[in-house]
C-alpha cells in the first residue's frame, strides 16, 4: 500500500527524449529488417508484372563475324615484286620473306646481331612508332638461321653502307629508325603497282614465310620458332594458309590413296585396289 500512496513524479524531459529515440530506433530497425527480407521478392514480383516474362528470353548473340581470307604471296609474286624493288627495299623484302621477321624487328636490327660466321640473325630488339623496345612476345627473342642467298644480299648491302656494328641494318638517312608506314607508301606500294600485283602489307610477308614452310611440309613447330609466336595455335590458325595448287594436289593424292577413280565419260565409279594398302580390310 505504501507504493500506491507514493506521489507521482513527472519524468524529466531528458529521460523522455532518450526513450523516444530508443523507440524510433527500434521501429526503424524493424522496418529495415522487413525491407531486407522482402525487397528481392517485391522487385521480382514487380518485374513479373511489368514484363510478364524475362525480357532476355529468346535473345541471341549476333553470329561471330567470319575471318577474311588471309593474304600471302606465291613464289612467283615474290619474284616479280623483288624485280620491281630498288635497294635497300629489295633486301628488306627478301629478308622479310626468308626469315618471317616482323617489320618492327627488321627495322630495329643492328649489324652486331647479324652473325655471318654462324649464319644466324639474333632478334633482340623491335621498334614501334619510332620507339625502341623488346620483341612482341616471350618467343620473340630468338635466333633465326639464314642461307646463302640472304647472306649474299646482306653482304652486298653492308658493303654499300660500310657502317659500324651498332648501326641499324636499315636506317634512315640520318641513321634513325625508318617508319613502316612511310616505307609502305613510298617503297612497297609503288613496287606492287610496277609488278602489276595487288597491294600487300608488311605483315603479309610473315604469312608468306609460314605458308611456304607449311607447303614444303616443314613442321608447324619450325614456323613457330621462326615467327617467334608464344603459342603454336597462333601459327596454325593465322599464318599457315593452304596454297591452292598444293591443296588440289593433296586431294588428288588422297583420291588415289583411297582407291576411287571417277570415269570422265560417265558417273560410273571404279574401285582400284592397291596391293598391300593398309586401307584394305
Protein backbone atom coordinates (compact mmCIF):
# COMPACT_ATOMS: atom_id res chain seq x y z
CA UNK A 1 0.00 0.00 0.00
CA UNK A 2 2.99 2.23 0.58
CA UNK A 3 3.74 2.09 -3.14
CA UNK A 4 0.21 3.19 -4.04
CA UNK A 5 0.46 6.17 -1.81
CA UNK A 6 3.79 7.28 -3.27
CA UNK A 7 3.49 10.64 -5.05
CA UNK A 8 3.69 10.64 -8.88
CA UNK A 9 6.77 12.29 -10.31
CA UNK A 10 6.76 13.80 -13.75
CA UNK A 11 9.63 12.36 -15.85
CA UNK A 12 12.34 14.74 -16.86
CA UNK A 13 12.49 15.96 -20.48
CA UNK A 14 15.92 14.35 -20.98
CA UNK A 15 14.56 10.96 -19.94
CA UNK A 16 11.62 11.25 -22.34
CA UNK A 17 13.98 12.23 -25.15
CA UNK A 18 16.11 9.12 -24.56
CA UNK A 19 13.05 6.84 -24.51
CA UNK A 20 11.66 8.42 -27.67
CA UNK A 21 14.95 7.95 -29.51
CA UNK A 22 15.07 4.29 -28.41
CA UNK A 23 11.54 3.67 -29.68
CA UNK A 24 12.25 5.36 -33.02
CA UNK A 25 15.49 3.40 -33.43
CA UNK A 26 13.72 0.14 -32.60
CA UNK A 27 10.94 0.88 -35.13
CA UNK A 28 13.42 1.77 -37.86
CA UNK A 29 15.40 -1.42 -37.22
CA UNK A 30 12.22 -3.46 -37.68
CA UNK A 31 11.39 -1.70 -40.94
CA UNK A 32 14.95 -2.28 -42.15
CA UNK A 33 14.70 -6.00 -41.35
CA UNK A 34 11.39 -6.21 -43.17
CA UNK A 35 12.69 -4.44 -46.26
CA UNK A 36 15.86 -6.54 -46.32
CA UNK A 37 13.84 -9.75 -46.10
CA UNK A 38 11.26 -8.84 -48.72
CA UNK A 39 12.92 -6.44 -51.18
CA UNK A 40 14.11 -9.11 -53.63
CA UNK A 41 10.66 -10.73 -53.62
CA UNK A 42 8.92 -7.39 -54.21
CA UNK A 43 11.28 -6.50 -57.07
CA UNK A 44 10.92 -9.91 -58.75
CA UNK A 45 7.12 -9.72 -58.49
CA UNK A 46 7.15 -6.21 -59.94
CA UNK A 47 9.29 -7.39 -62.87
CA UNK A 48 6.95 -10.30 -63.48
CA UNK A 49 4.03 -7.88 -63.57
CA UNK A 50 5.75 -5.38 -65.85
CA UNK A 51 7.36 -7.77 -68.33
CA UNK A 52 5.22 -10.90 -67.79
CA UNK A 53 8.36 -12.85 -68.78
CA UNK A 54 12.11 -12.43 -68.69
CA UNK A 55 12.93 -9.77 -71.34
CA UNK A 56 16.18 -11.62 -72.19
CA UNK A 57 14.31 -14.83 -73.03
CA UNK A 58 14.93 -15.76 -76.65
CA UNK A 59 17.65 -13.17 -77.12
CA UNK A 60 20.60 -14.43 -79.17
CA UNK A 61 24.11 -13.15 -79.56
CA UNK A 62 24.98 -11.98 -83.06
CA UNK A 63 26.94 -14.53 -85.11
CA UNK A 64 30.71 -14.32 -84.89
CA UNK A 65 32.00 -12.50 -87.97
CA UNK A 66 33.88 -14.74 -90.36
CA UNK A 67 37.59 -14.13 -90.63
CA UNK A 68 38.51 -12.88 -94.08
CA UNK A 69 40.91 -14.90 -96.17
CA UNK A 70 44.41 -14.01 -95.01
CA UNK A 71 46.82 -12.98 -97.71
CA UNK A 72 50.22 -14.28 -98.70
CA UNK A 73 52.43 -14.17 -101.78
CA UNK A 74 53.18 -17.06 -104.09
CA UNK A 75 56.79 -17.69 -105.08
CA UNK A 76 56.06 -16.14 -108.48
CA UNK A 77 54.65 -13.00 -106.85
CA UNK A 78 57.70 -12.76 -104.57
CA UNK A 79 59.99 -12.97 -107.61
CA UNK A 80 58.05 -10.29 -109.51
CA UNK A 81 58.00 -7.99 -106.50
CA UNK A 82 61.74 -8.32 -105.88
CA UNK A 83 62.47 -7.43 -109.53
CA UNK A 84 60.35 -4.28 -109.17
CA UNK A 85 62.10 -3.09 -106.00
CA UNK A 86 65.22 -0.96 -105.68
CA UNK A 87 67.75 -1.27 -102.87
CA UNK A 88 67.52 -1.32 -99.92
CA UNK A 89 63.85 -2.25 -100.35
CA UNK A 90 64.76 -5.42 -102.26
CA UNK A 91 66.96 -6.72 -99.44
CA UNK A 92 64.37 -5.73 -96.83
CA UNK A 93 61.55 -7.64 -98.57
CA UNK A 94 63.79 -10.62 -99.30
CA UNK A 95 64.73 -10.74 -95.63
CA UNK A 96 61.09 -10.48 -94.55
CA UNK A 97 60.10 -13.42 -96.77
CA UNK A 98 63.09 -15.63 -95.90
CA UNK A 99 63.08 -15.01 -92.12
CA UNK A 100 59.46 -14.25 -91.20
CA UNK A 101 60.59 -11.35 -89.01
CA UNK A 102 58.15 -8.60 -88.07
CA UNK A 103 58.72 -5.26 -89.79
CA UNK A 104 59.46 -3.69 -86.39
CA UNK A 105 62.13 -6.34 -85.78
CA UNK A 106 63.68 -5.79 -89.21
CA UNK A 107 63.86 -2.02 -88.77
CA UNK A 108 65.42 -2.40 -85.30
CA UNK A 109 68.03 -4.95 -86.42
CA UNK A 110 71.67 -3.92 -85.94
CA UNK A 111 74.73 -5.31 -87.70
CA UNK A 112 76.10 -6.64 -84.41
CA UNK A 113 73.16 -9.10 -84.36
CA UNK A 114 73.88 -10.41 -87.87
CA UNK A 115 76.33 -13.28 -87.31
CA UNK A 116 77.92 -14.17 -90.66
CA UNK A 117 80.08 -16.90 -89.11
CA UNK A 118 77.22 -18.86 -87.57
CA UNK A 119 74.80 -17.63 -90.26
CA UNK A 120 72.14 -16.55 -87.77
CA UNK A 121 70.22 -13.36 -87.05
CA UNK A 122 69.72 -12.58 -83.37
CA UNK A 123 66.34 -10.91 -82.84
CA UNK A 124 66.70 -8.83 -79.68
CA UNK A 125 65.00 -5.51 -80.47
CA UNK A 126 61.88 -4.15 -82.09
CA UNK A 127 60.69 -0.67 -82.95
CA UNK A 128 57.12 0.64 -82.81
CA UNK A 129 56.10 4.18 -83.73
CA UNK A 130 59.74 5.25 -83.55
CA UNK A 131 60.29 3.84 -80.04
CA UNK A 132 62.77 1.04 -79.46
CA UNK A 133 61.65 -1.90 -77.31
CA UNK A 134 61.91 -5.66 -76.92
CA UNK A 135 60.19 -8.12 -79.30
CA UNK A 136 56.42 -8.53 -79.06
CA UNK A 137 56.16 -11.94 -77.32
CA UNK A 138 58.16 -14.20 -75.00
CA UNK A 139 59.28 -16.21 -78.01
CA UNK A 140 60.28 -13.00 -79.78
CA UNK A 141 63.89 -13.18 -78.57
CA UNK A 142 65.17 -15.80 -80.97
CA UNK A 143 67.95 -16.79 -83.35
CA UNK A 144 66.95 -17.19 -87.00
CA UNK A 145 69.23 -19.05 -89.43
CA UNK A 146 69.80 -17.74 -92.94
CA UNK A 147 71.09 -19.34 -96.14
CA UNK A 148 73.45 -18.35 -98.94
CA UNK A 149 71.00 -16.14 -100.87
CA UNK A 150 70.22 -13.89 -97.92
CA UNK A 151 73.87 -13.92 -96.82
CA UNK A 152 74.96 -12.60 -100.20
CA UNK A 153 72.25 -9.93 -100.19
CA UNK A 154 73.25 -8.80 -96.69
CA UNK A 155 76.96 -8.72 -97.53
CA UNK A 156 76.23 -6.60 -100.61
CA UNK A 157 74.04 -4.31 -98.54
CA UNK A 158 76.73 -3.99 -95.86
CA UNK A 159 79.40 -3.27 -98.49
CA UNK A 160 77.34 -0.42 -99.89
CA UNK A 161 76.89 1.21 -96.47
CA UNK A 162 80.13 0.40 -94.62
CA UNK A 163 78.74 1.16 -91.16
CA UNK A 164 79.68 0.16 -87.59
CA UNK A 165 78.46 -2.91 -85.68
CA UNK A 166 75.99 -0.86 -83.64
CA UNK A 167 74.42 0.74 -86.71
CA UNK A 168 70.99 -0.23 -87.95
CA UNK A 169 70.85 -2.56 -90.94
CA UNK A 170 68.05 -0.48 -92.49
CA UNK A 171 68.47 3.09 -91.19
CA UNK A 172 67.03 6.37 -92.36
CA UNK A 173 69.30 8.94 -93.98
CA UNK A 174 70.23 10.36 -90.59
CA UNK A 175 70.78 6.94 -89.01
CA UNK A 176 67.49 6.65 -87.10
CA UNK A 177 64.70 4.08 -87.40
CA UNK A 178 62.65 4.05 -90.58
CA UNK A 179 58.85 4.29 -90.29
CA UNK A 180 56.92 1.23 -91.61
CA UNK A 181 54.07 3.41 -92.88
CA UNK A 182 56.37 5.65 -94.89
CA UNK A 183 58.20 2.62 -96.32
CA UNK A 184 54.91 1.02 -97.29
CA UNK A 185 53.72 4.15 -99.07
CA UNK A 186 56.98 5.14 -100.78
CA UNK A 187 58.57 1.74 -101.41
CA UNK A 188 56.20 -1.22 -101.30
CA UNK A 189 53.05 0.16 -102.94
CA UNK A 190 54.86 1.61 -106.00
CA UNK A 191 56.67 -1.72 -106.47
CA UNK A 192 53.36 -3.61 -106.30
CA UNK A 193 51.94 -1.32 -108.98
CA UNK A 194 55.05 -1.69 -111.15
CA UNK A 195 54.89 -5.50 -110.91
CA UNK A 196 51.11 -5.49 -111.56
CA UNK A 197 50.46 -7.08 -108.18
CA UNK A 198 47.69 -6.47 -105.68
CA UNK A 199 48.69 -4.42 -102.67
CA UNK A 200 50.45 -6.23 -99.86
CA UNK A 201 51.17 -5.24 -96.26
CA UNK A 202 54.39 -5.88 -94.34
CA UNK A 203 52.57 -8.50 -92.26
CA UNK A 204 51.70 -10.48 -95.38
CA UNK A 205 55.37 -11.42 -95.70
CA UNK A 206 55.22 -13.20 -92.32
CA UNK A 207 52.22 -15.20 -93.50
CA UNK A 208 54.08 -15.92 -96.74
CA UNK A 209 57.06 -17.29 -94.82
CA UNK A 210 54.91 -19.59 -92.67
CA UNK A 211 52.72 -20.69 -95.57
CA UNK A 212 55.64 -21.60 -97.80
CA UNK A 213 57.24 -23.57 -94.95
CA UNK A 214 53.95 -25.42 -94.46
CA UNK A 215 53.63 -26.04 -98.20
CA UNK A 216 57.08 -27.64 -98.21
CA UNK A 217 55.99 -30.00 -95.44
CA UNK A 218 58.02 -28.41 -92.66
CA UNK A 219 56.71 -28.97 -89.09
CA UNK A 220 54.48 -26.27 -87.63
CA UNK A 221 56.89 -26.05 -84.70
CA UNK A 222 59.57 -24.82 -87.11
CA UNK A 223 57.31 -22.00 -88.31
CA UNK A 224 56.51 -21.08 -84.70
CA UNK A 225 60.22 -20.81 -83.86
CA UNK A 226 60.89 -18.72 -86.96
CA UNK A 227 57.99 -16.33 -86.32
CA UNK A 228 58.55 -16.04 -82.57
CA UNK A 229 55.00 -16.92 -81.51
CA UNK A 230 54.38 -17.71 -77.86
CA UNK A 231 51.59 -20.13 -78.83
CA UNK A 232 51.67 -22.64 -81.68
CA UNK A 233 47.90 -22.19 -82.12
CA UNK A 234 48.56 -18.66 -83.38
CA UNK A 235 50.88 -20.03 -86.04
CA UNK A 236 48.37 -22.69 -87.05
CA UNK A 237 45.25 -20.51 -87.11
CA UNK A 238 46.51 -17.30 -88.64
CA UNK A 239 49.69 -17.85 -90.60
CA UNK A 240 49.82 -21.29 -92.19
CA UNK A 241 47.47 -20.92 -95.16
CA UNK A 242 46.79 -23.53 -97.81
CA UNK A 243 48.39 -22.95 -101.20
CA UNK A 244 45.68 -23.72 -103.81
CA UNK A 245 47.94 -25.76 -106.12
CA UNK A 246 49.19 -27.87 -103.22
CA UNK A 247 45.67 -28.22 -101.87
CA UNK A 248 44.49 -29.63 -105.22
CA UNK A 249 47.50 -31.97 -105.45
CA UNK A 250 46.78 -33.22 -101.93
CA UNK A 251 43.17 -34.02 -102.83
CA UNK A 252 44.26 -35.90 -105.94
CA UNK A 253 46.80 -37.91 -103.90
CA UNK A 254 44.05 -38.68 -101.40
CA UNK A 255 41.74 -39.95 -104.14
CA UNK A 256 44.46 -42.28 -105.40
CA UNK A 257 45.27 -43.46 -101.88
CA UNK A 258 41.63 -44.26 -101.13
CA UNK A 259 41.42 -46.06 -104.47
CA UNK A 260 38.48 -44.48 -106.26
CA UNK A 261 38.70 -43.14 -109.80
CA UNK A 262 35.82 -41.34 -111.50
CA UNK A 263 35.27 -42.23 -115.16
CA UNK A 264 35.24 -38.88 -117.04
CA UNK A 265 32.83 -40.38 -119.63
CA UNK A 266 30.12 -41.13 -117.13
CA UNK A 267 29.10 -41.38 -113.47
CA UNK A 268 30.49 -44.91 -113.07
CA UNK A 269 32.91 -45.24 -110.14
CA UNK A 270 35.64 -47.82 -110.41
CA UNK A 271 37.38 -49.31 -107.39
CA UNK A 272 41.12 -49.67 -107.75
CA UNK A 273 42.76 -51.94 -105.18
CA UNK A 274 46.35 -51.17 -104.30
CA UNK A 275 48.18 -54.31 -103.15
CA UNK A 276 49.38 -54.07 -99.59
CA UNK A 277 47.28 -50.99 -98.82
CA UNK A 278 46.52 -50.56 -95.14
CA UNK A 279 43.06 -49.30 -96.14
CA UNK A 280 42.01 -52.75 -97.41
CA UNK A 281 40.33 -54.83 -94.72
